[in-house]
């Protein structure tokens, strides 16, 4: 803490920063914690108290500066091992802010619906960035809360593709190799519906806007159930041969049957 005096300046107020110069090693920016504006004999001066840049809001001014120990706050971790010898879905991480040379104990991974033989089983990959918390603040008992994106590891889609008029229109689950499931809530370049696609180009399209279900292979075969036509129809397209085989009877029935 320090006290200072300057020419009158109404902009010097508690919670703002001031630059103090010609103070040798103490030159720099400080937070104003208290001000007194003095008018006397046609003179206007401002007296003020300052403190270091630890925090600037009222809560910080009242909170004592106590060091935070590892484990008392969540830490960013980098996954180093995901082959749990006990098959409990755990991973090991390192904490770059603490050390680059040591791994954590096995960390349990928080997952949706995790229970006996069920739940969303999706382990982090090696070198994934994750957020880690600690049971009762014990750094030897870590939990991976979830993964986080960063400047190098970007989300599958841009914000402009995901969000439309403030509403999330697209939710995607995508694997490391490129398999993906997309849930589209609003029409855009992709129509409302659910879409499954493998890395190799095999697709299942449940298009609600255009009212059809379509299966597409990488080789171009298609099978479509279409409700949008005047008369709903089923279309099957092959880039090669079509073989129909049954152990029992095959019955074909319609108002008219055309063979070309």
Protein backbone atom coordinates (compact mmCIF):
# COMPACT_ATOMS: atom_id res chain seq x y z
CA UNK A 1 0.00 0.00 0.00
CA UNK A 2 1.13 3.56 -0.67
CA UNK A 3 -0.31 7.08 -0.57
CA UNK A 4 0.14 9.67 -3.32
CA UNK A 5 -0.94 13.18 -4.25
CA UNK A 6 -1.60 14.62 -7.71
CA UNK A 7 -3.15 17.58 -9.42
CA UNK A 8 -6.91 17.36 -9.19
CA UNK A 9 -8.27 14.66 -11.46
CA UNK A 10 -11.86 13.39 -11.14
CA UNK A 11 -10.93 10.29 -13.16
CA UNK A 12 -8.85 8.93 -10.28
CA UNK A 13 -11.36 6.66 -8.57
CA UNK A 14 -11.25 3.43 -6.50
CA UNK A 15 -11.01 0.31 -8.65
CA UNK A 16 -9.21 2.02 -11.55
CA UNK A 17 -5.52 1.87 -12.45
CA UNK A 18 -2.98 4.70 -12.35
CA UNK A 19 0.55 4.84 -13.76
CA UNK A 20 3.18 6.01 -11.27
CA UNK A 21 6.50 7.07 -12.81
CA UNK A 22 9.99 8.03 -11.60
CA UNK A 23 9.83 5.58 -8.69
CA UNK A 24 12.76 3.41 -9.69
CA UNK A 25 11.93 -0.28 -9.25
CA UNK A 26 8.44 0.67 -8.06
CA UNK A 27 7.47 2.44 -11.29
CA UNK A 28 4.39 0.87 -12.83
CA UNK A 29 0.62 0.53 -12.71
CA UNK A 30 -1.31 0.33 -9.44
CA UNK A 31 -4.94 -0.07 -8.38
CA UNK A 32 -6.54 2.87 -6.63
CA UNK A 33 -8.17 1.80 -3.36
CA UNK A 34 -9.15 5.18 -1.92
CA UNK A 35 -9.40 8.79 -3.16
CA UNK A 36 -9.83 12.19 -1.52
CA UNK A 37 -10.61 15.20 -3.74
CA UNK A 38 -9.56 18.41 -1.99
CA UNK A 39 -10.64 21.94 -3.00
CA UNK A 40 -8.92 24.74 -1.05
CA UNK A 41 -7.96 28.30 -1.92
CA UNK A 42 -8.77 27.83 -5.59
CA UNK A 43 -6.56 24.75 -5.67
CA UNK A 44 -7.79 21.26 -6.58
CA UNK A 45 -5.72 18.26 -5.50
CA UNK A 46 -6.41 14.54 -5.44
CA UNK A 47 -4.95 12.36 -2.73
CA UNK A 48 -5.20 8.62 -3.25
CA UNK A 49 -4.03 5.27 -1.95
CA UNK A 50 -2.81 2.49 -4.22
CA UNK A 51 -1.90 -1.17 -4.06
CA UNK A 52 -0.38 -3.76 -6.45
CA UNK A 53 -2.22 -5.38 -9.37
CA UNK A 54 -3.35 -8.51 -7.53
CA UNK A 55 -7.01 -7.67 -8.03
CA UNK A 56 -9.22 -4.70 -8.68
CA UNK A 57 -12.77 -5.35 -7.51
CA UNK A 58 -14.21 -4.90 -4.04
CA UNK A 59 -14.03 -8.61 -3.28
CA UNK A 60 -10.29 -8.67 -4.01
CA UNK A 61 -9.76 -5.64 -1.79
CA UNK A 62 -11.35 -7.48 1.13
CA UNK A 63 -9.75 -10.88 0.46
CA UNK A 64 -6.37 -11.54 2.09
CA UNK A 65 -3.61 -12.60 -0.28
CA UNK A 66 -3.07 -16.26 0.58
CA UNK A 67 -1.08 -18.65 -1.60
CA UNK A 68 -3.04 -21.38 -3.39
CA UNK A 69 -1.53 -24.84 -3.08
CA UNK A 70 -1.69 -27.47 -5.84
CA UNK A 71 -4.90 -29.44 -5.43
CA UNK A 72 -6.88 -26.54 -3.99
CA UNK A 73 -7.90 -25.38 -7.45
CA UNK A 74 -8.56 -27.19 -10.75
CA UNK A 75 -5.50 -27.53 -12.99
CA UNK A 76 -5.02 -27.91 -16.72
CA UNK A 77 -3.49 -31.29 -17.51
CA UNK A 78 -2.13 -33.08 -20.59
CA UNK A 79 -3.05 -36.76 -20.94
CA UNK A 80 0.05 -38.99 -20.95
CA UNK A 81 -1.42 -42.50 -20.55
CA UNK A 82 -4.89 -43.96 -21.17
CA UNK A 83 -4.19 -47.71 -20.89
CA UNK A 84 -5.57 -48.33 -17.41
CA UNK A 85 -4.24 -51.72 -16.18
CA UNK A 86 -7.41 -52.21 -14.11
CA UNK A 87 -9.80 -51.21 -16.95
CA UNK A 88 -11.51 -48.57 -14.80
CA UNK A 89 -11.53 -45.93 -17.54
CA UNK A 90 -8.76 -43.88 -15.92
CA UNK A 91 -5.94 -41.82 -17.41
CA UNK A 92 -2.68 -40.29 -16.25
CA UNK A 93 -1.86 -36.64 -16.84
CA UNK A 94 0.97 -34.21 -16.37
CA UNK A 95 0.50 -30.64 -15.13
CA UNK A 96 2.64 -28.21 -17.19
CA UNK A 97 2.23 -25.44 -14.61
CA UNK A 98 3.82 -27.69 -11.97
CA UNK A 99 6.25 -29.98 -13.82
CA UNK A 100 6.84 -31.44 -17.26
CA UNK A 101 8.66 -34.49 -15.89
CA UNK A 102 6.15 -36.24 -13.64
CA UNK A 103 2.77 -37.90 -14.20
CA UNK A 104 -0.21 -37.90 -11.88
CA UNK A 105 -1.70 -40.93 -10.20
CA UNK A 106 -4.42 -42.67 -12.22
CA UNK A 107 -7.26 -40.15 -12.60
CA UNK A 108 -10.89 -41.21 -12.81
CA UNK A 109 -12.75 -39.65 -15.75
CA UNK A 110 -16.14 -38.00 -15.21
CA UNK A 111 -18.58 -39.39 -17.80
CA UNK A 112 -22.27 -39.08 -18.66
CA UNK A 113 -24.32 -41.85 -17.05
CA UNK A 114 -21.27 -43.71 -15.76
CA UNK A 115 -22.34 -46.75 -13.70
CA UNK A 116 -22.02 -50.55 -13.69
CA UNK A 117 -21.64 -51.65 -17.31
CA UNK A 118 -23.19 -48.50 -18.79
CA UNK A 119 -22.52 -44.88 -19.57
CA UNK A 120 -20.86 -42.79 -22.27
CA UNK A 121 -17.47 -44.49 -22.70
CA UNK A 122 -15.18 -41.93 -24.36
CA UNK A 123 -11.61 -41.80 -23.04
CA UNK A 124 -9.37 -38.80 -23.73
CA UNK A 125 -6.59 -39.33 -26.25
CA UNK A 126 -2.87 -39.00 -25.45
CA UNK A 127 -1.83 -35.30 -25.50
CA UNK A 128 -5.44 -34.09 -25.08
CA UNK A 129 -5.80 -31.05 -22.83
CA UNK A 130 -8.13 -31.72 -19.89
CA UNK A 131 -9.34 -29.95 -16.77
CA UNK A 132 -8.50 -31.80 -13.56
CA UNK A 133 -9.99 -31.38 -10.07
CA UNK A 134 -8.94 -33.09 -6.85
CA UNK A 135 -10.93 -35.00 -4.25
CA UNK A 136 -10.84 -33.05 -0.96
CA UNK A 137 -8.03 -30.94 -2.44
CA UNK A 138 -5.65 -33.92 -2.48
CA UNK A 139 -3.42 -33.71 -5.57
CA UNK A 140 -2.86 -37.47 -5.34
CA UNK A 141 -6.60 -38.10 -5.98
CA UNK A 142 -7.31 -36.46 -9.37
CA UNK A 143 -10.50 -36.48 -11.42
CA UNK A 144 -10.67 -35.50 -15.10
CA UNK A 145 -13.70 -33.22 -15.40
CA UNK A 146 -13.55 -32.94 -19.18
CA UNK A 147 -11.52 -31.98 -22.22
CA UNK A 148 -11.00 -28.42 -23.44
CA UNK A 149 -10.25 -26.90 -26.83
CA UNK A 150 -7.40 -24.45 -27.27
CA UNK A 151 -5.50 -22.49 -29.90
CA UNK A 152 -4.07 -25.64 -31.48
CA UNK A 153 -6.88 -28.15 -30.85
CA UNK A 154 -9.98 -26.57 -32.38
CA UNK A 155 -13.65 -27.73 -32.24
CA UNK A 156 -15.00 -29.74 -35.21
CA UNK A 157 -17.04 -26.76 -36.45
CA UNK A 158 -16.76 -22.98 -36.45
CA UNK A 159 -18.99 -20.87 -34.22
CA UNK A 160 -20.77 -19.45 -37.29
CA UNK A 161 -21.68 -22.98 -38.37
CA UNK A 162 -22.85 -24.06 -34.91
CA UNK A 163 -24.87 -20.98 -33.91
CA UNK A 164 -27.72 -19.24 -35.71
CA UNK A 165 -29.39 -16.14 -34.25
CA UNK A 166 -28.04 -16.94 -30.81
CA UNK A 167 -29.31 -20.53 -30.84
CA UNK A 168 -27.15 -23.63 -31.20
CA UNK A 169 -28.27 -25.25 -34.47
CA UNK A 170 -25.58 -27.94 -34.75
CA UNK A 171 -24.17 -30.38 -32.19
CA UNK A 172 -21.43 -32.76 -33.31
CA UNK A 173 -19.67 -35.78 -31.86
CA UNK A 174 -16.52 -36.52 -33.87
CA UNK A 175 -13.77 -39.08 -33.26
CA UNK A 176 -10.04 -38.73 -33.81
CA UNK A 177 -10.17 -40.40 -37.26
CA UNK A 178 -13.23 -38.48 -38.47
CA UNK A 179 -16.28 -40.65 -37.73
CA UNK A 180 -19.05 -38.26 -36.72
CA UNK A 181 -22.65 -37.88 -35.64
CA UNK A 182 -24.35 -34.54 -36.20
CA UNK A 183 -27.60 -33.30 -34.67
CA UNK A 184 -28.97 -30.41 -36.75
CA UNK A 185 -31.67 -28.30 -35.07
CA UNK A 186 -32.14 -25.60 -37.74
CA UNK A 187 -31.83 -25.59 -41.55
CA UNK A 188 -28.72 -24.11 -43.12
CA UNK A 189 -26.24 -25.76 -45.50
CA UNK A 190 -27.25 -28.97 -43.71
CA UNK A 191 -30.97 -29.65 -43.25
CA UNK A 192 -32.63 -30.34 -39.92
CA UNK A 193 -32.12 -33.96 -38.89
CA UNK A 194 -29.55 -36.48 -37.68
CA UNK A 195 -26.53 -37.49 -39.75
CA UNK A 196 -24.04 -40.34 -39.25
CA UNK A 197 -20.89 -40.49 -41.36
CA UNK A 198 -17.76 -42.63 -41.24
CA UNK A 199 -14.30 -41.38 -42.04
CA UNK A 200 -14.44 -43.39 -45.27
CA UNK A 201 -17.64 -41.75 -46.54
CA UNK A 202 -20.42 -44.20 -45.55
CA UNK A 203 -23.50 -42.19 -44.53
CA UNK A 204 -26.88 -42.46 -42.85
CA UNK A 205 -29.06 -39.37 -43.32
CA UNK A 206 -32.28 -38.82 -41.36
CA UNK A 207 -33.41 -35.61 -43.06
CA UNK A 208 -36.45 -34.22 -41.26
CA UNK A 209 -36.76 -31.02 -43.31
CA UNK A 210 -36.91 -32.84 -46.65
CA UNK A 211 -38.60 -35.91 -45.15
CA UNK A 212 -36.37 -38.77 -46.22
CA UNK A 213 -34.00 -41.40 -44.86
CA UNK A 214 -31.03 -42.27 -47.04
CA UNK A 215 -28.17 -44.77 -46.87
CA UNK A 216 -25.11 -43.96 -48.99
CA UNK A 217 -21.94 -46.00 -49.46
CA UNK A 218 -18.49 -44.77 -50.39
CA UNK A 219 -18.92 -46.53 -53.74
CA UNK A 220 -22.11 -44.62 -54.57
CA UNK A 221 -24.84 -47.19 -53.75
CA UNK A 222 -27.97 -45.53 -52.32
CA UNK A 223 -31.15 -46.62 -50.60
CA UNK A 224 -33.75 -43.93 -49.93
CA UNK A 225 -37.15 -43.90 -48.20
CA UNK A 226 -38.75 -40.65 -49.33
CA UNK A 227 -41.95 -39.16 -47.86
CA UNK A 228 -41.65 -35.81 -49.67
CA UNK A 229 -42.83 -36.98 -53.12
CA UNK A 230 -46.55 -36.83 -54.06
CA UNK A 231 -46.60 -40.59 -53.62
CA UNK A 232 -44.06 -41.73 -51.00
CA UNK A 233 -41.48 -43.96 -52.59
CA UNK A 234 -38.50 -46.20 -51.92
CA UNK A 235 -35.54 -45.86 -54.26
CA UNK A 236 -32.56 -48.19 -54.51
CA UNK A 237 -29.58 -47.25 -56.70
CA UNK A 238 -26.54 -49.42 -57.35
CA UNK A 239 -23.35 -48.58 -59.21
CA UNK A 240 -22.92 -52.30 -59.84
CA UNK A 241 -25.12 -55.38 -59.51
CA UNK A 242 -28.13 -56.05 -57.24
CA UNK A 243 -28.70 -59.53 -55.80
CA UNK A 244 -31.89 -60.53 -53.95
CA UNK A 245 -31.85 -63.82 -52.07
CA UNK A 246 -34.16 -65.47 -49.54
CA UNK A 247 -34.40 -68.85 -47.84
CA UNK A 248 -38.18 -68.70 -48.26
CA UNK A 249 -40.46 -67.09 -50.83
CA UNK A 250 -39.98 -63.69 -52.43
CA UNK A 251 -43.27 -61.88 -53.06
CA UNK A 252 -43.48 -58.80 -55.26
CA UNK A 253 -46.85 -57.04 -55.36
CA UNK A 254 -48.03 -53.72 -56.74
CA UNK A 255 -50.69 -51.96 -58.82
CA UNK A 256 -48.33 -52.42 -61.74
CA UNK A 257 -44.96 -54.11 -62.05
CA UNK A 258 -42.55 -52.87 -64.71
CA UNK A 259 -39.41 -54.73 -65.69
CA UNK A 260 -36.96 -53.07 -68.03
